[in-house]
C-alpha atoms as a PDB file:
ATOM      1  CA  UNK A   1     123.410   9.613 -67.495  1.00  0.00           C
ATOM      2  CA  UNK A   2     122.459  10.462 -63.888  1.00  0.00           C
ATOM      3  CA  UNK A   3     118.754  10.809 -64.721  1.00  0.00           C
ATOM      4  CA  UNK A   4     118.821   7.724 -66.957  1.00  0.00           C
ATOM      5  CA  UNK A   5     120.183   5.538 -64.165  1.00  0.00           C
ATOM      6  CA  UNK A   6     117.671   6.957 -61.684  1.00  0.00           C
ATOM      7  CA  UNK A   7     114.869   6.103 -64.117  1.00  0.00           C
ATOM      8  CA  UNK A   8     116.158   2.529 -64.540  1.00  0.00           C
ATOM      9  CA  UNK A   9     116.643   1.850 -60.816  1.00  0.00           C
ATOM     10  CA  UNK A  10     113.255   3.343 -59.933  1.00  0.00           C
ATOM     11  CA  UNK A  11     111.442   1.116 -62.431  1.00  0.00           C
ATOM     12  CA  UNK A  12     113.345  -2.032 -61.411  1.00  0.00           C
ATOM     13  CA  UNK A  13     112.706  -1.358 -57.709  1.00  0.00           C
ATOM     14  CA  UNK A  14     108.985  -1.154 -58.349  1.00  0.00           C
ATOM     15  CA  UNK A  15     109.059  -4.217 -60.609  1.00  0.00           C
ATOM     16  CA  UNK A  16     110.751  -6.194 -57.821  1.00  0.00           C
ATOM     17  CA  UNK A  17     107.736  -5.499 -55.600  1.00  0.00           C
ATOM     18  CA  UNK A  18     105.157  -6.135 -58.352  1.00  0.00           C
ATOM     19  CA  UNK A  19     106.543  -8.927 -60.537  1.00  0.00           C
ATOM     20  CA  UNK A  20     103.339  -9.835 -62.357  1.00  0.00           C
ATOM     21  CA  UNK A  21     101.891  -9.269 -65.810  1.00  0.00           C
ATOM     22  CA  UNK A  22      99.001  -7.041 -64.747  1.00  0.00           C
ATOM     23  CA  UNK A  23     101.282  -4.526 -63.030  1.00  0.00           C
ATOM     24  CA  UNK A  24     103.800  -4.665 -65.875  1.00  0.00           C
ATOM     25  CA  UNK A  25     101.154  -4.018 -68.523  1.00  0.00           C
ATOM     26  CA  UNK A  26      99.694  -1.138 -66.494  1.00  0.00           C
ATOM     27  CA  UNK A  27     103.179   0.391 -66.214  1.00  0.00           C
ATOM     28  CA  UNK A  28     104.378  -0.300 -69.744  1.00  0.00           C
ATOM     29  CA  UNK A  29     105.211   3.363 -70.320  1.00  0.00           C
ATOM     30  CA  UNK A  30     107.503   3.368 -67.276  1.00  0.00           C
ATOM     31  CA  UNK A  31     109.179   0.203 -68.574  1.00  0.00           C
ATOM     32  CA  UNK A  32     109.621   1.731 -72.048  1.00  0.00           C
ATOM     33  CA  UNK A  33     111.248   4.821 -70.552  1.00  0.00           C
ATOM     34  CA  UNK A  34     113.627   2.666 -68.459  1.00  0.00           C
ATOM     35  CA  UNK A  35     114.424   0.404 -71.422  1.00  0.00           C
ATOM     36  CA  UNK A  36     115.208   3.345 -73.695  1.00  0.00           C
ATOM     37  CA  UNK A  37     117.364   4.898 -70.962  1.00  0.00           C
ATOM     38  CA  UNK A  38     119.317   1.639 -70.644  1.00  0.00           C
ATOM     39  CA  UNK A  39     119.706   1.291 -74.417  1.00  0.00           C
ATOM     40  CA  UNK A  40     120.991   4.873 -74.609  1.00  0.00           C
ATOM     41  CA  UNK A  41     123.514   4.095 -71.859  1.00  0.00           C
ATOM     42  CA  UNK A  42     124.654   0.903 -73.652  1.00  0.00           C
ATOM     43  CA  UNK A  43     125.013   2.738 -76.985  1.00  0.00           C
ATOM     44  CA  UNK A  44     127.343   5.188 -75.262  1.00  0.00           C
ATOM     45  CA  UNK A  45     129.261   2.325 -73.631  1.00  0.00           C
ATOM     46  CA  UNK A  46     129.770   0.677 -77.041  1.00  0.00           C
ATOM     47  CA  UNK A  47     131.294   3.872 -78.447  1.00  0.00           C
ATOM     48  CA  UNK A  48     133.623   4.272 -75.449  1.00  0.00           C
ATOM     49  CA  UNK A  49     134.719   0.596 -75.514  1.00  0.00           C
ATOM     50  CA  UNK A  50     135.522   0.797 -79.226  1.00  0.00           C
ATOM     51  CA  UNK A  51     137.998   3.560 -78.439  1.00  0.00           C
ATOM     52  CA  UNK A  52     140.283   1.062 -76.672  1.00  0.00           C
ATOM     53  CA  UNK A  53     139.159  -2.367 -77.968  1.00  0.00           C
ATOM     54  CA  UNK A  54     139.074  -2.737 -81.756  1.00  0.00           C
ATOM     55  CA  UNK A  55     137.713  -6.311 -81.556  1.00  0.00           C
ATOM     56  CA  UNK A  56     134.240  -5.065 -80.640  1.00  0.00           C
ATOM     57  CA  UNK A  57     132.241  -5.108 -83.887  1.00  0.00           C
ATOM     58  CA  UNK A  58     128.711  -4.362 -82.603  1.00  0.00           C
ATOM     59  CA  UNK A  59     127.044  -1.072 -83.513  1.00  0.00           C
ATOM     60  CA  UNK A  60     123.953  -0.724 -81.325  1.00  0.00           C
ATOM     61  CA  UNK A  61     122.460  -1.661 -77.974  1.00  0.00           C
ATOM     62  CA  UNK A  62     119.850  -3.845 -79.679  1.00  0.00           C
ATOM     63  CA  UNK A  63     122.605  -6.351 -80.532  1.00  0.00           C
ATOM     64  CA  UNK A  64     123.693  -6.529 -76.893  1.00  0.00           C
ATOM     65  CA  UNK A  65     120.747  -5.981 -74.518  1.00  0.00           C
ATOM     66  CA  UNK A  66     119.012  -9.012 -72.986  1.00  0.00           C
ATOM     67  CA  UNK A  67     115.232  -9.269 -72.852  1.00  0.00           C
ATOM     68  CA  UNK A  68     113.520  -8.531 -69.541  1.00  0.00           C
ATOM     69  CA  UNK A  69     111.067 -11.379 -70.098  1.00  0.00           C
ATOM     70  CA  UNK A  70     112.102 -14.570 -68.302  1.00  0.00           C
ATOM     71  CA  UNK A  71     111.978 -18.104 -69.652  1.00  0.00           C
ATOM     72  CA  UNK A  72     110.330 -19.778 -66.660  1.00  0.00           C
ATOM     73  CA  UNK A  73     109.941 -23.253 -68.167  1.00  0.00           C
ATOM     74  CA  UNK A  74     112.862 -24.711 -66.220  1.00  0.00           C
ATOM     75  CA  UNK A  75     112.864 -22.298 -63.278  1.00  0.00           C
ATOM     76  CA  UNK A  76     111.452 -22.802 -59.793  1.00  0.00           C
ATOM     77  CA  UNK A  77     110.882 -19.049 -59.619  1.00  0.00           C
ATOM     78  CA  UNK A  78     107.906 -18.382 -61.900  1.00  0.00           C
ATOM     79  CA  UNK A  79     108.075 -14.574 -61.756  1.00  0.00           C
ATOM     80  CA  UNK A  80     107.631 -13.506 -65.394  1.00  0.00           C
ATOM     81  CA  UNK A  81     110.245 -10.710 -65.457  1.00  0.00           C
ATOM     82  CA  UNK A  82     113.900 -10.265 -64.616  1.00  0.00           C
ATOM     83  CA  UNK A  83     114.514  -7.566 -62.029  1.00  0.00           C
ATOM     84  CA  UNK A  84     117.655  -6.349 -63.774  1.00  0.00           C
ATOM     85  CA  UNK A  85     118.708  -4.904 -67.098  1.00  0.00           C
ATOM     86  CA  UNK A  86     121.783  -6.423 -68.679  1.00  0.00           C
ATOM     87  CA  UNK A  87     123.871  -6.154 -71.834  1.00  0.00           C
ATOM     88  CA  UNK A  88     126.798  -8.124 -73.225  1.00  0.00           C
ATOM     89  CA  UNK A  89     129.096  -6.148 -75.491  1.00  0.00           C
ATOM     90  CA  UNK A  90     131.259  -8.580 -77.446  1.00  0.00           C
ATOM     91  CA  UNK A  91     132.302  -9.604 -80.949  1.00  0.00           C
ATOM     92  CA  UNK A  92     128.960 -10.865 -82.304  1.00  0.00           C
ATOM     93  CA  UNK A  93     126.713  -9.381 -79.611  1.00  0.00           C
ATOM     94  CA  UNK A  94     124.837 -10.938 -76.712  1.00  0.00           C
ATOM     95  CA  UNK A  95     124.955 -14.516 -78.053  1.00  0.00           C
ATOM     96  CA  UNK A  96     128.688 -14.382 -78.801  1.00  0.00           C
ATOM     97  CA  UNK A  97     130.994 -17.245 -77.834  1.00  0.00           C
ATOM     98  CA  UNK A  98     133.766 -14.688 -77.351  1.00  0.00           C
ATOM     99  CA  UNK A  99     134.787 -12.915 -74.153  1.00  0.00           C
ATOM    100  CA  UNK A 100     133.246  -9.468 -73.801  1.00  0.00           C
ATOM    101  CA  UNK A 101     132.064  -6.746 -71.458  1.00  0.00           C
ATOM    102  CA  UNK A 102     128.916  -7.178 -69.357  1.00  0.00           C
ATOM    103  CA  UNK A 103     126.871  -4.514 -67.578  1.00  0.00           C
ATOM    104  CA  UNK A 104     124.187  -5.444 -65.045  1.00  0.00           C
ATOM    105  CA  UNK A 105     121.912  -2.833 -63.471  1.00  0.00           C
ATOM    106  CA  UNK A 106     119.791  -4.026 -60.546  1.00  0.00           C
ATOM    107  CA  UNK A 107     118.792  -2.258 -57.315  1.00  0.00           C
ATOM    108  CA  UNK A 108     121.464  -3.083 -54.685  1.00  0.00           C
ATOM    109  CA  UNK A 109     123.098  -5.636 -57.016  1.00  0.00           C
ATOM    110  CA  UNK A 110     124.653  -3.794 -59.979  1.00  0.00           C
ATOM    111  CA  UNK A 111     128.001  -4.786 -61.434  1.00  0.00           C
ATOM    112  CA  UNK A 112     130.266  -4.567 -64.478  1.00  0.00           C
ATOM    113  CA  UNK A 113     132.682  -7.192 -65.710  1.00  0.00           C
ATOM    114  CA  UNK A 114     132.857  -9.913 -68.286  1.00  0.00           C
ATOM    115  CA  UNK A 115     134.803 -12.827 -69.654  1.00  0.00           C
ATOM    116  CA  UNK A 116     133.001 -15.983 -70.786  1.00  0.00           C
ATOM    117  CA  UNK A 117     129.945 -17.219 -68.864  1.00  0.00           C
ATOM    118  CA  UNK A 118     128.937 -20.891 -69.159  1.00  0.00           C
ATOM    119  CA  UNK A 119     130.791 -21.396 -72.466  1.00  0.00           C
ATOM    120  CA  UNK A 120     130.091 -24.364 -74.728  1.00  0.00           C
ATOM    121  CA  UNK A 121     132.025 -27.576 -73.904  1.00  0.00           C
ATOM    122  CA  UNK A 122     134.498 -27.116 -76.829  1.00  0.00           C
ATOM    123  CA  UNK A 123     135.295 -23.520 -75.800  1.00  0.00           C
ATOM    124  CA  UNK A 124     135.658 -24.495 -72.140  1.00  0.00           C
ATOM    125  CA  UNK A 125     137.955 -27.395 -73.029  1.00  0.00           C
ATOM    126  CA  UNK A 126     140.139 -25.096 -75.171  1.00  0.00           C
ATOM    127  CA  UNK A 127     140.599 -22.661 -72.278  1.00  0.00           C
ATOM    128  CA  UNK A 128     141.351 -25.479 -69.839  1.00  0.00           C
ATOM    129  CA  UNK A 129     143.896 -26.994 -72.242  1.00  0.00           C
ATOM    130  CA  UNK A 130     145.618 -23.654 -72.644  1.00  0.00           C
ATOM    131  CA  UNK A 131     145.869 -23.177 -68.877  1.00  0.00           C
ATOM    132  CA  UNK A 132     147.168 -26.744 -68.498  1.00  0.00           C
ATOM    133  CA  UNK A 133     149.911 -26.063 -71.050  1.00  0.00           C
ATOM    134  CA  UNK A 134     150.757 -22.554 -69.828  1.00  0.00           C
ATOM    135  CA  UNK A 135     149.080 -21.359 -66.620  1.00  0.00           C
ATOM    136  CA  UNK A 136     151.594 -18.539 -66.215  1.00  0.00           C
ATOM    137  CA  UNK A 137     149.973 -16.379 -68.912  1.00  0.00           C
ATOM    138  CA  UNK A 138     146.607 -16.277 -67.131  1.00  0.00           C
ATOM    139  CA  UNK A 139     148.225 -16.045 -63.703  1.00  0.00           C
ATOM    140  CA  UNK A 140     150.206 -12.990 -64.829  1.00  0.00           C
ATOM    141  CA  UNK A 141     146.981 -11.243 -65.919  1.00  0.00           C
ATOM    142  CA  UNK A 142     144.896 -11.988 -62.826  1.00  0.00           C
ATOM    143  CA  UNK A 143     147.761 -11.323 -60.394  1.00  0.00           C
ATOM    144  CA  UNK A 144     148.629  -7.917 -61.890  1.00  0.00           C
ATOM    145  CA  UNK A 145     148.158  -5.500 -58.937  1.00  0.00           C
ATOM    146  CA  UNK A 146     145.457  -3.231 -60.423  1.00  0.00           C
ATOM    147  CA  UNK A 147     143.584  -6.213 -61.882  1.00  0.00           C
ATOM    148  CA  UNK A 148     143.617  -8.194 -58.616  1.00  0.00           C
ATOM    149  CA  UNK A 149     142.546  -5.114 -56.669  1.00  0.00           C
ATOM    150  CA  UNK A 150     139.614  -4.508 -59.037  1.00  0.00           C
ATOM    151  CA  UNK A 151     138.730  -8.198 -59.406  1.00  0.00           C
ATOM    152  CA  UNK A 152     139.867 -10.049 -56.245  1.00  0.00           C
ATOM    153  CA  UNK A 153     138.598 -13.389 -57.574  1.00  0.00           C
ATOM    154  CA  UNK A 154     137.036 -15.099 -60.548  1.00  0.00           C
ATOM    155  CA  UNK A 155     133.325 -15.785 -60.326  1.00  0.00           C
ATOM    156  CA  UNK A 156     131.330 -18.825 -61.281  1.00  0.00           C
ATOM    157  CA  UNK A 157     130.784 -22.430 -60.368  1.00  0.00           C
ATOM    158  CA  UNK A 158     133.768 -24.720 -59.878  1.00  0.00           C
ATOM    159  CA  UNK A 159     134.096 -28.481 -60.110  1.00  0.00           C
ATOM    160  CA  UNK A 160     134.960 -30.208 -56.838  1.00  0.00           C
ATOM    161  CA  UNK A 161     137.544 -32.374 -58.579  1.00  0.00           C
ATOM    162  CA  UNK A 162     139.635 -32.222 -61.746  1.00  0.00           C
ATOM    163  CA  UNK A 163     137.661 -32.323 -65.025  1.00  0.00           C
ATOM    164  CA  UNK A 164     137.973 -35.439 -67.150  1.00  0.00           C
ATOM    165  CA  UNK A 165     141.345 -35.637 -68.884  1.00  0.00           C
ATOM    166  CA  UNK A 166     143.199 -33.414 -66.399  1.00  0.00           C
ATOM    167  CA  UNK A 167     145.402 -34.503 -63.525  1.00  0.00           C
ATOM    168  CA  UNK A 168     144.228 -33.386 -60.086  1.00  0.00           C
ATOM    169  CA  UNK A 169     147.934 -33.161 -59.171  1.00  0.00           C
ATOM    170  CA  UNK A 170     148.366 -30.225 -61.575  1.00  0.00           C
ATOM    171  CA  UNK A 171     149.573 -27.248 -59.496  1.00  0.00           C
ATOM    172  CA  UNK A 172     147.005 -24.844 -61.013  1.00  0.00           C
ATOM    173  CA  UNK A 173     144.087 -27.282 -60.999  1.00  0.00           C
ATOM    174  CA  UNK A 174     141.887 -24.665 -59.266  1.00  0.00           C
ATOM    175  CA  UNK A 175     142.137 -22.506 -62.391  1.00  0.00           C
ATOM    176  CA  UNK A 176     141.043 -25.434 -64.552  1.00  0.00           C
ATOM    177  CA  UNK A 177     138.059 -26.341 -62.361  1.00  0.00           C
ATOM    178  CA  UNK A 178     136.061 -23.241 -63.296  1.00  0.00           C
ATOM    179  CA  UNK A 179     132.972 -23.707 -65.487  1.00  0.00           C
ATOM    180  CA  UNK A 180     133.035 -20.002 -66.436  1.00  0.00           C
ATOM    181  CA  UNK A 181     135.868 -17.510 -66.650  1.00  0.00           C
ATOM    182  CA  UNK A 182     134.317 -14.261 -65.470  1.00  0.00           C
ATOM    183  CA  UNK A 183     135.240 -11.303 -63.280  1.00  0.00           C
ATOM    184  CA  UNK A 184     132.961  -8.633 -61.810  1.00  0.00           C
ATOM    185  CA  UNK A 185     133.169  -5.299 -60.021  1.00  0.00           C
ATOM    186  CA  UNK A 186     130.135  -4.581 -57.852  1.00  0.00           C
ATOM    187  CA  UNK A 187     128.452  -1.172 -57.497  1.00  0.00           C
ATOM    188  CA  UNK A 188     126.117   0.417 -54.947  1.00  0.00           C
ATOM    189  CA  UNK A 189     123.019   2.349 -56.032  1.00  0.00           C
ATOM    190  CA  UNK A 190     124.937   5.551 -55.217  1.00  0.00           C
ATOM    191  CA  UNK A 191     127.733   4.447 -57.561  1.00  0.00           C
ATOM    192  CA  UNK A 192     125.211   3.859 -60.352  1.00  0.00           C
ATOM    193  CA  UNK A 193     123.549   7.244 -59.851  1.00  0.00           C
ATOM    194  CA  UNK A 194     126.887   9.081 -59.700  1.00  0.00           C
ATOM    195  CA  UNK A 195     127.553  11.397 -62.639  1.00  0.00           C
ATOM    196  CA  UNK A 196     130.922   9.699 -63.153  1.00  0.00           C
ATOM    197  CA  UNK A 197     129.395   6.210 -63.423  1.00  0.00           C
ATOM    198  CA  UNK A 198     130.078   5.688 -67.123  1.00  0.00           C
ATOM    199  CA  UNK A 199     133.722   6.707 -66.619  1.00  0.00           C
ATOM    200  CA  UNK A 200     133.942   4.272 -63.706  1.00  0.00           C
ATOM    201  CA  UNK A 201     132.555   1.421 -65.829  1.00  0.00           C
ATOM    202  CA  UNK A 202     134.941   2.190 -68.696  1.00  0.00           C
ATOM    203  CA  UNK A 203     137.918   2.230 -66.313  1.00  0.00           C
ATOM    204  CA  UNK A 204     136.843  -1.215 -65.057  1.00  0.00           C
ATOM    205  CA  UNK A 205     136.601  -2.511 -68.629  1.00  0.00           C
ATOM    206  CA  UNK A 206     140.055  -1.176 -69.506  1.00  0.00           C
ATOM    207  CA  UNK A 207     141.530  -3.112 -66.576  1.00  0.00           C
ATOM    208  CA  UNK A 208     139.600  -6.196 -67.704  1.00  0.00           C
ATOM    209  CA  UNK A 209     140.692  -5.988 -71.355  1.00  0.00           C
ATOM    210  CA  UNK A 210     143.839  -8.222 -71.085  1.00  0.00           C
ATOM    211  CA  UNK A 211     141.663 -10.965 -69.538  1.00  0.00           C
ATOM    212  CA  UNK A 212     139.278 -10.795 -72.524  1.00  0.00           C
ATOM    213  CA  UNK A 213     142.189 -10.714 -74.977  1.00  0.00           C
ATOM    214  CA  UNK A 214     143.682 -13.828 -73.437  1.00  0.00           C
ATOM    215  CA  UNK A 215     140.386 -15.757 -73.613  1.00  0.00           C
ATOM    216  CA  UNK A 216     139.629 -14.604 -77.168  1.00  0.00           C
ATOM    217  CA  UNK A 217     143.107 -15.560 -78.350  1.00  0.00           C
ATOM    218  CA  UNK A 218     142.517 -19.101 -77.030  1.00  0.00           C
ATOM    219  CA  UNK A 219     139.018 -19.323 -78.541  1.00  0.00           C
ATOM    220  CA  UNK A 220     140.130 -18.068 -81.979  1.00  0.00           C
ATOM    221  CA  UNK A 221     143.140 -20.391 -82.105  1.00  0.00           C
ATOM    222  CA  UNK A 222     140.889 -23.331 -81.266  1.00  0.00           C
ATOM    223  CA  UNK A 223     138.699 -22.478 -84.266  1.00  0.00           C
END
């Protein structure tokens, strides 16, 4: 694992400085080595996650790993490649509507976490409705001492006012204003290169599991 993560970070660091097609094509072998190292890491993560979360039905990294090639059609930044490697391990793989476990490897910006990121309007409305009817269930999860220490806050964009159909007087309106329900634990490069990194990531995911279970219960009940 140690050498795999070194290989990935080294390639991504160089890509950050040379984000163009000519350099990428000239260094395709280095990319392939980094990609295979990441896929091997994700395959191991899948096996370890399945040991404690039976809802994960994916079998290989290929179902979970995002492409490094960027879609620049709607982006101001026209660099052709992402400078990270990421994978989403969830029921149905990387395009799943369900809450899952995300791993993001990027020089000086790595993290693990998950939840649901930019869900579809029906899924988002279902979660908001559930919180409106019973905010205590989610509050209990995110306020649990180990959870709140690992994930001090939820990430993602928030509305400035109550979404349509919800009273801004609702005492937990801040929980309803999120557009995504995600949590992350950040890592330094030294963390990523540590021999215990995979154990660290798995321990983060185990703490996160009740959050995913809550979201998935809401999504499944909403159909």
